N, C-alpha and C. Protein backbone atom coordinates (compact mmCIF):
# COMPACT_ATOMS: atom_id res chain seq x y z
N MET A 1 -25.00 -29.20 -48.55
CA MET A 1 -26.06 -28.36 -49.08
C MET A 1 -26.81 -27.37 -47.60
N THR A 2 -26.57 -28.14 -46.80
CA THR A 2 -27.04 -27.55 -45.56
C THR A 2 -26.35 -26.19 -45.30
N GLN A 3 -24.96 -26.06 -45.64
CA GLN A 3 -24.17 -24.77 -45.33
C GLN A 3 -24.34 -23.44 -46.32
N LEU A 4 -25.42 -23.93 -47.20
CA LEU A 4 -25.65 -22.71 -48.34
C LEU A 4 -26.56 -21.79 -47.94
N GLY A 5 -27.24 -22.03 -46.96
CA GLY A 5 -28.02 -20.83 -46.32
C GLY A 5 -29.52 -21.03 -46.96
N LEU A 6 -29.91 -22.27 -47.53
CA LEU A 6 -31.07 -22.17 -48.40
C LEU A 6 -32.17 -22.08 -47.51
N GLU A 7 -33.49 -21.54 -48.04
CA GLU A 7 -34.79 -21.42 -47.32
C GLU A 7 -35.65 -21.76 -48.18
N SER A 8 -36.44 -22.62 -47.68
CA SER A 8 -37.89 -23.04 -48.36
C SER A 8 -38.84 -22.02 -48.81
N ILE A 9 -39.82 -22.29 -49.63
CA ILE A 9 -40.80 -21.32 -49.86
C ILE A 9 -41.55 -21.11 -48.56
N GLN A 10 -41.60 -21.89 -47.54
CA GLN A 10 -42.30 -21.64 -46.47
C GLN A 10 -41.43 -20.81 -45.40
N GLY A 11 -40.20 -20.71 -45.81
CA GLY A 11 -39.29 -20.01 -44.85
C GLY A 11 -38.36 -20.67 -44.05
N ALA A 12 -38.54 -22.31 -43.89
CA ALA A 12 -37.62 -23.04 -43.30
C ALA A 12 -36.21 -23.26 -43.78
N LYS A 13 -35.36 -23.27 -43.14
CA LYS A 13 -34.01 -23.41 -43.24
C LYS A 13 -33.28 -24.89 -43.67
N LEU A 14 -32.80 -25.21 -44.98
CA LEU A 14 -32.55 -26.49 -45.14
C LEU A 14 -31.76 -27.04 -44.08
N GLN A 15 -31.00 -26.41 -43.43
CA GLN A 15 -29.90 -26.96 -42.38
C GLN A 15 -30.88 -27.17 -41.10
N ASP A 16 -32.00 -26.85 -40.92
CA ASP A 16 -32.84 -27.34 -39.95
C ASP A 16 -33.55 -28.54 -40.59
N GLU A 17 -34.20 -28.38 -41.55
CA GLU A 17 -35.35 -29.16 -41.85
C GLU A 17 -34.30 -30.65 -42.19
N TRP A 18 -33.04 -30.71 -42.16
CA TRP A 18 -32.24 -31.88 -42.54
C TRP A 18 -31.48 -32.39 -41.36
N ILE A 19 -31.98 -31.80 -40.27
CA ILE A 19 -31.10 -32.09 -39.19
C ILE A 19 -31.34 -33.17 -38.53
N SER A 20 -32.45 -34.14 -39.21
CA SER A 20 -32.56 -35.57 -38.65
C SER A 20 -32.56 -36.36 -39.69
N GLY A 21 -31.90 -35.82 -40.88
CA GLY A 21 -31.57 -36.69 -41.96
C GLY A 21 -31.98 -35.71 -43.60
N ALA A 22 -31.26 -36.15 -44.70
CA ALA A 22 -31.72 -35.84 -45.82
C ALA A 22 -32.83 -36.18 -46.20
N ASN A 23 -33.67 -35.37 -47.11
CA ASN A 23 -34.88 -35.64 -47.78
C ASN A 23 -34.74 -35.27 -49.30
N THR A 24 -34.93 -35.94 -50.37
CA THR A 24 -34.56 -35.14 -51.52
C THR A 24 -35.82 -36.18 -52.16
N TYR A 25 -36.19 -35.52 -53.55
CA TYR A 25 -36.89 -36.35 -54.71
C TYR A 25 -35.96 -36.79 -55.80
N LEU A 26 -35.55 -38.02 -56.05
CA LEU A 26 -34.92 -38.48 -56.99
C LEU A 26 -33.36 -38.00 -57.05
N GLY A 27 -32.87 -37.64 -55.79
CA GLY A 27 -31.43 -37.10 -55.62
C GLY A 27 -31.37 -35.93 -56.48
N THR A 28 -32.26 -35.22 -57.12
CA THR A 28 -32.13 -33.95 -57.84
C THR A 28 -32.79 -32.98 -57.36
N SER A 29 -33.98 -33.03 -56.60
CA SER A 29 -34.68 -31.87 -55.91
C SER A 29 -35.33 -31.97 -54.65
N ILE A 30 -35.72 -30.93 -53.87
CA ILE A 30 -36.29 -31.16 -52.75
C ILE A 30 -37.66 -30.48 -52.33
N SER A 31 -38.60 -31.07 -51.76
CA SER A 31 -39.76 -30.66 -51.60
C SER A 31 -39.80 -29.04 -50.66
N GLY A 32 -40.27 -28.06 -51.40
CA GLY A 32 -40.43 -27.00 -50.82
C GLY A 32 -39.59 -26.07 -51.44
N TYR A 33 -38.76 -26.37 -52.23
CA TYR A 33 -37.62 -25.56 -53.14
C TYR A 33 -38.04 -25.72 -54.62
N PRO A 34 -39.18 -25.00 -55.06
CA PRO A 34 -39.42 -25.28 -56.48
C PRO A 34 -38.38 -24.91 -57.55
N ASN A 35 -38.22 -25.59 -58.57
CA ASN A 35 -37.41 -25.05 -59.70
C ASN A 35 -35.94 -25.17 -59.03
N MET A 36 -35.59 -25.89 -57.83
CA MET A 36 -34.18 -25.85 -57.30
C MET A 36 -33.89 -27.31 -57.43
N PHE A 37 -32.74 -27.55 -58.57
CA PHE A 37 -32.50 -28.70 -58.82
C PHE A 37 -30.76 -28.83 -58.37
N HIS A 38 -30.23 -29.96 -58.15
CA HIS A 38 -28.90 -30.29 -57.85
C HIS A 38 -28.38 -31.64 -58.52
N ILE A 39 -27.29 -31.46 -58.68
CA ILE A 39 -26.59 -32.79 -59.04
C ILE A 39 -25.46 -33.24 -58.13
N TYR A 40 -25.11 -34.57 -58.10
CA TYR A 40 -23.91 -35.04 -57.37
C TYR A 40 -24.32 -34.82 -55.71
N GLY A 41 -25.37 -34.95 -55.33
CA GLY A 41 -25.73 -34.91 -54.13
C GLY A 41 -26.34 -35.90 -53.41
N ALA A 42 -27.19 -35.66 -52.15
CA ALA A 42 -27.71 -36.77 -51.38
C ALA A 42 -28.72 -37.26 -52.33
N HIS A 43 -28.75 -38.85 -52.07
CA HIS A 43 -29.88 -39.61 -52.58
C HIS A 43 -29.57 -39.98 -54.03
N GLY A 44 -28.81 -39.55 -54.92
CA GLY A 44 -28.32 -39.86 -56.21
C GLY A 44 -27.09 -40.95 -56.25
N PRO A 45 -26.79 -41.21 -57.12
CA PRO A 45 -25.63 -42.46 -57.19
C PRO A 45 -24.33 -42.01 -57.10
N THR A 46 -24.22 -40.57 -56.52
CA THR A 46 -23.05 -39.94 -56.26
C THR A 46 -21.81 -40.57 -55.82
N LEU A 47 -21.62 -41.47 -54.76
CA LEU A 47 -20.53 -42.12 -54.19
C LEU A 47 -20.36 -43.37 -54.78
N LEU A 48 -21.35 -43.89 -55.61
CA LEU A 48 -21.18 -45.38 -56.06
C LEU A 48 -21.14 -45.60 -57.68
N CYS A 49 -20.83 -44.45 -57.99
CA CYS A 49 -20.46 -44.38 -59.59
C CYS A 49 -19.54 -43.41 -59.79
N ASN A 50 -18.96 -43.84 -61.19
CA ASN A 50 -17.91 -42.65 -61.90
C ASN A 50 -18.92 -41.20 -61.81
N GLY A 51 -18.15 -40.30 -61.19
CA GLY A 51 -18.73 -39.04 -60.92
C GLY A 51 -19.11 -38.48 -62.46
N PRO A 52 -18.43 -38.42 -63.26
CA PRO A 52 -18.98 -37.86 -64.61
C PRO A 52 -20.22 -38.53 -65.41
N SER A 53 -20.13 -39.92 -64.96
CA SER A 53 -21.30 -40.63 -65.58
C SER A 53 -22.65 -40.22 -64.72
N ALA A 54 -22.65 -40.10 -63.45
CA ALA A 54 -23.82 -39.48 -62.49
C ALA A 54 -24.10 -38.08 -62.98
N VAL A 55 -23.22 -37.19 -63.35
CA VAL A 55 -23.30 -35.86 -63.58
C VAL A 55 -24.03 -35.98 -65.01
N GLU A 56 -23.56 -36.66 -65.87
CA GLU A 56 -24.34 -36.85 -67.18
C GLU A 56 -25.67 -37.12 -67.11
N VAL A 57 -26.00 -38.26 -66.33
CA VAL A 57 -27.23 -38.52 -66.17
C VAL A 57 -28.27 -37.42 -65.59
N GLN A 58 -27.90 -36.77 -64.26
CA GLN A 58 -28.40 -36.06 -63.56
C GLN A 58 -28.71 -34.77 -64.45
N GLY A 59 -27.48 -34.53 -64.95
CA GLY A 59 -27.63 -32.86 -65.68
C GLY A 59 -28.66 -33.00 -66.88
N ARG A 60 -28.54 -34.26 -67.71
CA ARG A 60 -29.46 -34.44 -68.82
C ARG A 60 -31.13 -34.47 -68.28
N TRP A 61 -31.31 -35.08 -67.04
CA TRP A 61 -32.30 -35.04 -66.61
C TRP A 61 -33.10 -33.47 -66.29
N ILE A 62 -32.03 -32.87 -65.71
CA ILE A 62 -32.29 -31.46 -65.22
C ILE A 62 -32.78 -30.58 -66.71
N VAL A 63 -31.94 -30.79 -67.70
CA VAL A 63 -32.04 -30.06 -69.14
C VAL A 63 -33.22 -30.54 -69.61
N ASP A 64 -33.73 -32.00 -69.61
CA ASP A 64 -34.90 -32.16 -70.22
C ASP A 64 -36.03 -31.71 -69.44
N LEU A 65 -36.09 -31.48 -68.21
CA LEU A 65 -36.99 -31.16 -67.39
C LEU A 65 -37.32 -29.61 -67.56
N VAL A 66 -36.10 -28.88 -67.62
CA VAL A 66 -36.38 -27.30 -68.10
C VAL A 66 -37.01 -27.23 -69.43
N ASP A 67 -36.33 -28.11 -70.48
CA ASP A 67 -37.02 -28.16 -71.68
C ASP A 67 -38.52 -28.42 -71.62
N LYS A 68 -39.01 -29.50 -70.97
CA LYS A 68 -40.51 -29.77 -70.77
C LYS A 68 -41.11 -28.77 -70.31
N MET A 69 -40.65 -27.98 -69.14
CA MET A 69 -41.40 -26.79 -68.61
C MET A 69 -41.79 -25.65 -69.59
N GLN A 70 -40.66 -25.39 -70.40
CA GLN A 70 -40.63 -24.23 -71.45
C GLN A 70 -41.57 -24.65 -72.31
N ARG A 71 -41.66 -25.90 -73.01
CA ARG A 71 -42.68 -26.49 -74.08
C ARG A 71 -43.83 -26.37 -73.62
N ASN A 72 -44.21 -26.66 -72.32
CA ASN A 72 -45.66 -26.85 -71.87
C ASN A 72 -46.11 -25.73 -70.95
N GLY A 73 -45.51 -24.47 -71.05
CA GLY A 73 -45.91 -23.22 -70.09
C GLY A 73 -45.98 -23.62 -68.48
N ILE A 74 -44.87 -24.40 -68.07
CA ILE A 74 -44.98 -24.64 -66.89
C ILE A 74 -43.93 -23.69 -66.13
N LYS A 75 -44.82 -23.02 -65.18
CA LYS A 75 -43.78 -21.91 -64.23
C LYS A 75 -43.00 -22.67 -63.53
N TYR A 76 -43.50 -23.53 -62.39
CA TYR A 76 -42.69 -24.15 -61.52
C TYR A 76 -42.96 -25.59 -61.31
N VAL A 77 -42.03 -26.49 -60.87
CA VAL A 77 -42.39 -27.71 -60.28
C VAL A 77 -41.90 -27.74 -59.11
N ASN A 78 -42.58 -28.38 -58.02
CA ASN A 78 -42.35 -28.58 -56.84
C ASN A 78 -42.34 -30.08 -56.38
N PRO A 79 -41.38 -30.84 -55.83
CA PRO A 79 -41.52 -32.05 -55.31
C PRO A 79 -42.49 -32.21 -54.26
N LYS A 80 -43.46 -33.28 -54.68
CA LYS A 80 -44.45 -33.42 -53.18
C LYS A 80 -43.74 -34.00 -52.23
N HIS A 81 -44.24 -33.77 -51.10
CA HIS A 81 -43.63 -34.07 -49.94
C HIS A 81 -43.75 -35.76 -49.75
N GLU A 82 -44.78 -36.10 -50.21
CA GLU A 82 -44.99 -37.49 -50.40
C GLU A 82 -44.20 -38.49 -51.34
N ALA A 83 -43.70 -37.73 -52.33
CA ALA A 83 -42.91 -38.39 -53.38
C ALA A 83 -41.53 -38.65 -52.63
N ALA A 84 -41.27 -37.23 -51.86
CA ALA A 84 -39.77 -37.53 -51.24
C ALA A 84 -39.62 -38.25 -50.32
N GLN A 85 -40.97 -38.50 -49.38
CA GLN A 85 -40.92 -39.70 -48.47
C GLN A 85 -40.64 -40.86 -49.01
N GLN A 86 -41.33 -41.13 -50.00
CA GLN A 86 -41.34 -42.69 -51.03
C GLN A 86 -39.82 -42.71 -51.26
N TRP A 87 -39.36 -41.52 -52.05
CA TRP A 87 -38.03 -41.97 -52.54
C TRP A 87 -36.89 -42.14 -51.47
N LYS A 88 -37.05 -41.75 -50.42
CA LYS A 88 -36.24 -41.94 -49.13
C LYS A 88 -36.37 -43.38 -48.62
N LYS A 89 -37.67 -43.63 -48.71
CA LYS A 89 -37.98 -45.15 -48.33
C LYS A 89 -37.30 -46.16 -49.39
N HIS A 90 -37.35 -45.75 -50.40
CA HIS A 90 -36.74 -46.49 -51.65
C HIS A 90 -35.14 -46.68 -51.39
N ILE A 91 -34.40 -45.59 -51.09
CA ILE A 91 -33.39 -45.12 -50.68
C ILE A 91 -32.67 -46.07 -49.49
N LEU A 92 -33.59 -46.33 -48.71
CA LEU A 92 -33.37 -47.14 -47.76
C LEU A 92 -33.62 -48.68 -47.88
N GLU A 93 -34.65 -48.85 -48.48
CA GLU A 93 -34.53 -50.30 -49.08
C GLU A 93 -33.47 -50.99 -49.98
N LEU A 94 -32.93 -49.97 -50.82
CA LEU A 94 -31.86 -50.53 -51.57
C LEU A 94 -30.59 -50.34 -50.82
N ASN A 95 -30.63 -49.53 -49.98
CA ASN A 95 -29.14 -49.81 -48.88
C ASN A 95 -29.26 -50.78 -48.27
N ASN A 96 -30.34 -51.21 -47.66
CA ASN A 96 -30.36 -52.59 -46.96
C ASN A 96 -30.34 -53.74 -47.53
N ARG A 97 -30.21 -53.69 -48.71
CA ARG A 97 -29.74 -55.11 -49.52
C ARG A 97 -28.03 -55.27 -49.70
N THR A 98 -27.39 -54.15 -49.02
CA THR A 98 -25.96 -53.92 -48.80
C THR A 98 -25.49 -54.53 -47.67
N LEU A 99 -24.02 -54.23 -47.53
CA LEU A 99 -23.23 -54.40 -46.32
C LEU A 99 -23.02 -52.96 -45.73
N PHE A 100 -23.42 -51.71 -46.46
CA PHE A 100 -23.30 -50.45 -46.12
C PHE A 100 -23.54 -50.25 -44.49
N PRO A 101 -24.94 -50.82 -44.13
CA PRO A 101 -25.43 -50.48 -42.51
C PRO A 101 -24.78 -51.08 -41.58
N THR A 102 -23.66 -51.93 -42.11
CA THR A 102 -22.94 -52.97 -40.89
C THR A 102 -21.77 -52.28 -40.47
N THR A 103 -21.34 -50.89 -40.91
CA THR A 103 -20.08 -50.21 -40.66
C THR A 103 -20.41 -48.79 -40.43
N ARG A 104 -19.46 -48.15 -39.87
CA ARG A 104 -19.78 -46.55 -39.95
C ARG A 104 -18.75 -46.03 -40.99
N SER A 105 -19.28 -45.94 -42.27
CA SER A 105 -18.39 -45.34 -43.35
C SER A 105 -18.93 -44.26 -43.99
N THR A 106 -18.27 -43.49 -44.94
CA THR A 106 -18.65 -42.59 -45.77
C THR A 106 -19.97 -42.60 -46.48
N TYR A 107 -20.24 -43.94 -46.77
CA TYR A 107 -21.47 -44.37 -47.68
C TYR A 107 -22.69 -44.08 -46.67
N MET A 108 -22.56 -44.19 -45.45
CA MET A 108 -23.57 -43.84 -44.51
C MET A 108 -23.31 -42.77 -43.63
N GLY A 109 -22.60 -41.81 -44.05
CA GLY A 109 -22.39 -40.38 -43.62
C GLY A 109 -21.59 -40.46 -42.39
N GLY A 110 -20.93 -41.55 -42.07
CA GLY A 110 -20.04 -41.82 -41.08
C GLY A 110 -18.96 -41.05 -40.79
N GLY A 111 -18.39 -40.21 -41.71
CA GLY A 111 -17.18 -39.60 -41.73
C GLY A 111 -17.20 -38.25 -41.33
N ILE A 112 -18.71 -37.91 -41.19
CA ILE A 112 -18.83 -36.32 -40.66
C ILE A 112 -19.47 -36.50 -39.12
N PRO A 113 -18.51 -35.89 -38.23
CA PRO A 113 -19.07 -35.91 -36.71
C PRO A 113 -20.53 -35.14 -36.76
N GLY A 114 -21.37 -35.81 -36.01
CA GLY A 114 -22.49 -35.56 -35.64
C GLY A 114 -23.59 -35.65 -36.70
N LYS A 115 -23.23 -35.99 -37.88
CA LYS A 115 -24.30 -36.41 -39.04
C LYS A 115 -25.18 -37.42 -38.56
N VAL A 116 -26.29 -37.49 -39.05
CA VAL A 116 -27.27 -38.75 -39.03
C VAL A 116 -26.68 -39.86 -39.77
N TYR A 117 -26.66 -41.03 -38.96
CA TYR A 117 -26.31 -42.18 -39.86
C TYR A 117 -27.42 -42.84 -40.82
N GLU A 118 -27.12 -42.53 -41.82
CA GLU A 118 -28.07 -42.75 -42.95
C GLU A 118 -27.37 -42.92 -44.23
N PRO A 119 -28.12 -43.84 -45.28
CA PRO A 119 -27.59 -43.82 -46.40
C PRO A 119 -27.60 -42.51 -47.21
N VAL A 120 -26.57 -42.04 -47.90
CA VAL A 120 -26.25 -40.87 -48.48
C VAL A 120 -26.42 -41.01 -50.22
N SER A 121 -26.55 -42.24 -50.76
CA SER A 121 -26.38 -42.49 -52.12
C SER A 121 -27.67 -43.67 -52.46
N TYR A 122 -27.86 -43.52 -53.58
CA TYR A 122 -28.76 -44.25 -54.12
C TYR A 122 -27.67 -45.67 -54.67
N SER A 123 -28.12 -46.65 -53.93
CA SER A 123 -27.46 -47.96 -54.23
C SER A 123 -27.88 -48.94 -55.16
N GLY A 124 -28.71 -48.56 -56.13
CA GLY A 124 -29.42 -49.44 -57.13
C GLY A 124 -28.63 -49.67 -58.25
N GLY A 125 -27.47 -48.99 -58.57
CA GLY A 125 -26.74 -48.91 -59.81
C GLY A 125 -27.35 -47.62 -60.65
N LEU A 126 -26.39 -47.35 -61.48
CA LEU A 126 -26.79 -45.99 -62.45
C LEU A 126 -27.74 -46.38 -63.40
N PRO A 127 -27.84 -47.64 -64.21
CA PRO A 127 -28.95 -47.88 -65.07
C PRO A 127 -30.25 -47.87 -64.62
N MET A 128 -30.58 -48.36 -63.43
CA MET A 128 -31.76 -48.53 -62.49
C MET A 128 -32.02 -47.14 -62.50
N TYR A 129 -31.08 -46.17 -61.63
CA TYR A 129 -31.50 -45.03 -61.31
C TYR A 129 -31.83 -44.02 -62.62
N LYS A 130 -30.98 -44.22 -63.70
CA LYS A 130 -31.55 -43.39 -64.84
C LYS A 130 -32.98 -43.88 -65.03
N ALA A 131 -33.27 -45.02 -65.30
CA ALA A 131 -34.52 -45.39 -65.87
C ALA A 131 -35.78 -44.88 -64.80
N GLU A 132 -35.37 -44.90 -63.38
CA GLU A 132 -36.35 -44.39 -62.64
C GLU A 132 -36.46 -42.92 -62.70
N ILE A 133 -35.62 -42.18 -62.74
CA ILE A 133 -35.67 -40.86 -62.78
C ILE A 133 -36.31 -40.28 -64.39
N ARG A 134 -36.01 -41.07 -65.02
CA ARG A 134 -36.45 -40.84 -66.56
C ARG A 134 -38.19 -41.00 -66.57
N GLN A 135 -38.68 -42.08 -65.72
CA GLN A 135 -39.93 -42.51 -65.80
C GLN A 135 -40.72 -41.25 -64.93
N ALA A 136 -40.02 -40.85 -63.87
CA ALA A 136 -40.61 -39.62 -63.25
C ALA A 136 -40.86 -38.40 -64.06
N LEU A 137 -39.73 -38.21 -64.80
CA LEU A 137 -39.71 -37.18 -65.72
C LEU A 137 -40.91 -37.08 -66.68
N ASP A 138 -40.98 -38.52 -67.29
CA ASP A 138 -42.21 -38.70 -68.31
C ASP A 138 -43.88 -38.46 -67.55
N SER A 139 -43.64 -39.13 -66.29
CA SER A 139 -45.05 -39.01 -65.40
C SER A 139 -45.46 -37.70 -64.99
N MET A 140 -44.48 -37.07 -64.50
CA MET A 140 -44.35 -35.79 -63.39
C MET A 140 -45.10 -36.26 -61.98
N GLU A 141 -45.52 -37.37 -61.97
CA GLU A 141 -46.18 -37.71 -60.66
C GLU A 141 -45.92 -37.07 -59.26
N GLY A 142 -44.69 -37.10 -59.18
CA GLY A 142 -43.96 -36.73 -58.01
C GLY A 142 -43.99 -35.17 -57.75
N PHE A 143 -44.45 -34.44 -58.85
CA PHE A 143 -44.24 -33.14 -58.53
C PHE A 143 -45.63 -32.43 -58.65
N ASP A 144 -45.62 -31.27 -57.82
CA ASP A 144 -46.93 -30.11 -57.85
C ASP A 144 -46.48 -29.64 -59.22
N VAL A 145 -47.16 -29.29 -60.36
CA VAL A 145 -47.11 -28.44 -61.32
C VAL A 145 -47.49 -27.44 -61.59
N VAL A 146 -47.11 -26.18 -61.47
CA VAL A 146 -48.05 -25.01 -61.80
C VAL A 146 -47.68 -24.15 -63.28
N THR A 147 -48.85 -24.09 -63.85
CA THR A 147 -48.44 -23.47 -65.32
C THR A 147 -48.48 -22.15 -65.22
N ALA A 148 -47.99 -21.28 -66.12
CA ALA A 148 -47.98 -19.84 -66.13
C ALA A 148 -49.31 -19.24 -66.33
């Protein structure tokens, strides 16, 4: 994602923002990039489950969020910076329950020269991930919500 030339609403380049590590909210969105959603990327269950299963869960979540936005006159949603920080902390806590931190592997970004050594995937399992992102969709607490 850092090679796509993305810029936040503040004009910061994602490539620069992520130089010290990826920051997402729910593995589907990035603070400062309203209404920009992604699948199969950093901090989702990406590397640790079947690809189509991850895409189905994340894709359904995005569709349901857009539907909710349309039904409720929401112009845009932007993940709160604090929510993204909490999500990253959660990713680190889950990862530290595994053996991934003990070796330089793809699961820690170890296959990319110069990349920060950190977990790239959600390691709590797909059912728990799905429950967590669905709860976040229901509450919308992690988002700044702007109505039309």
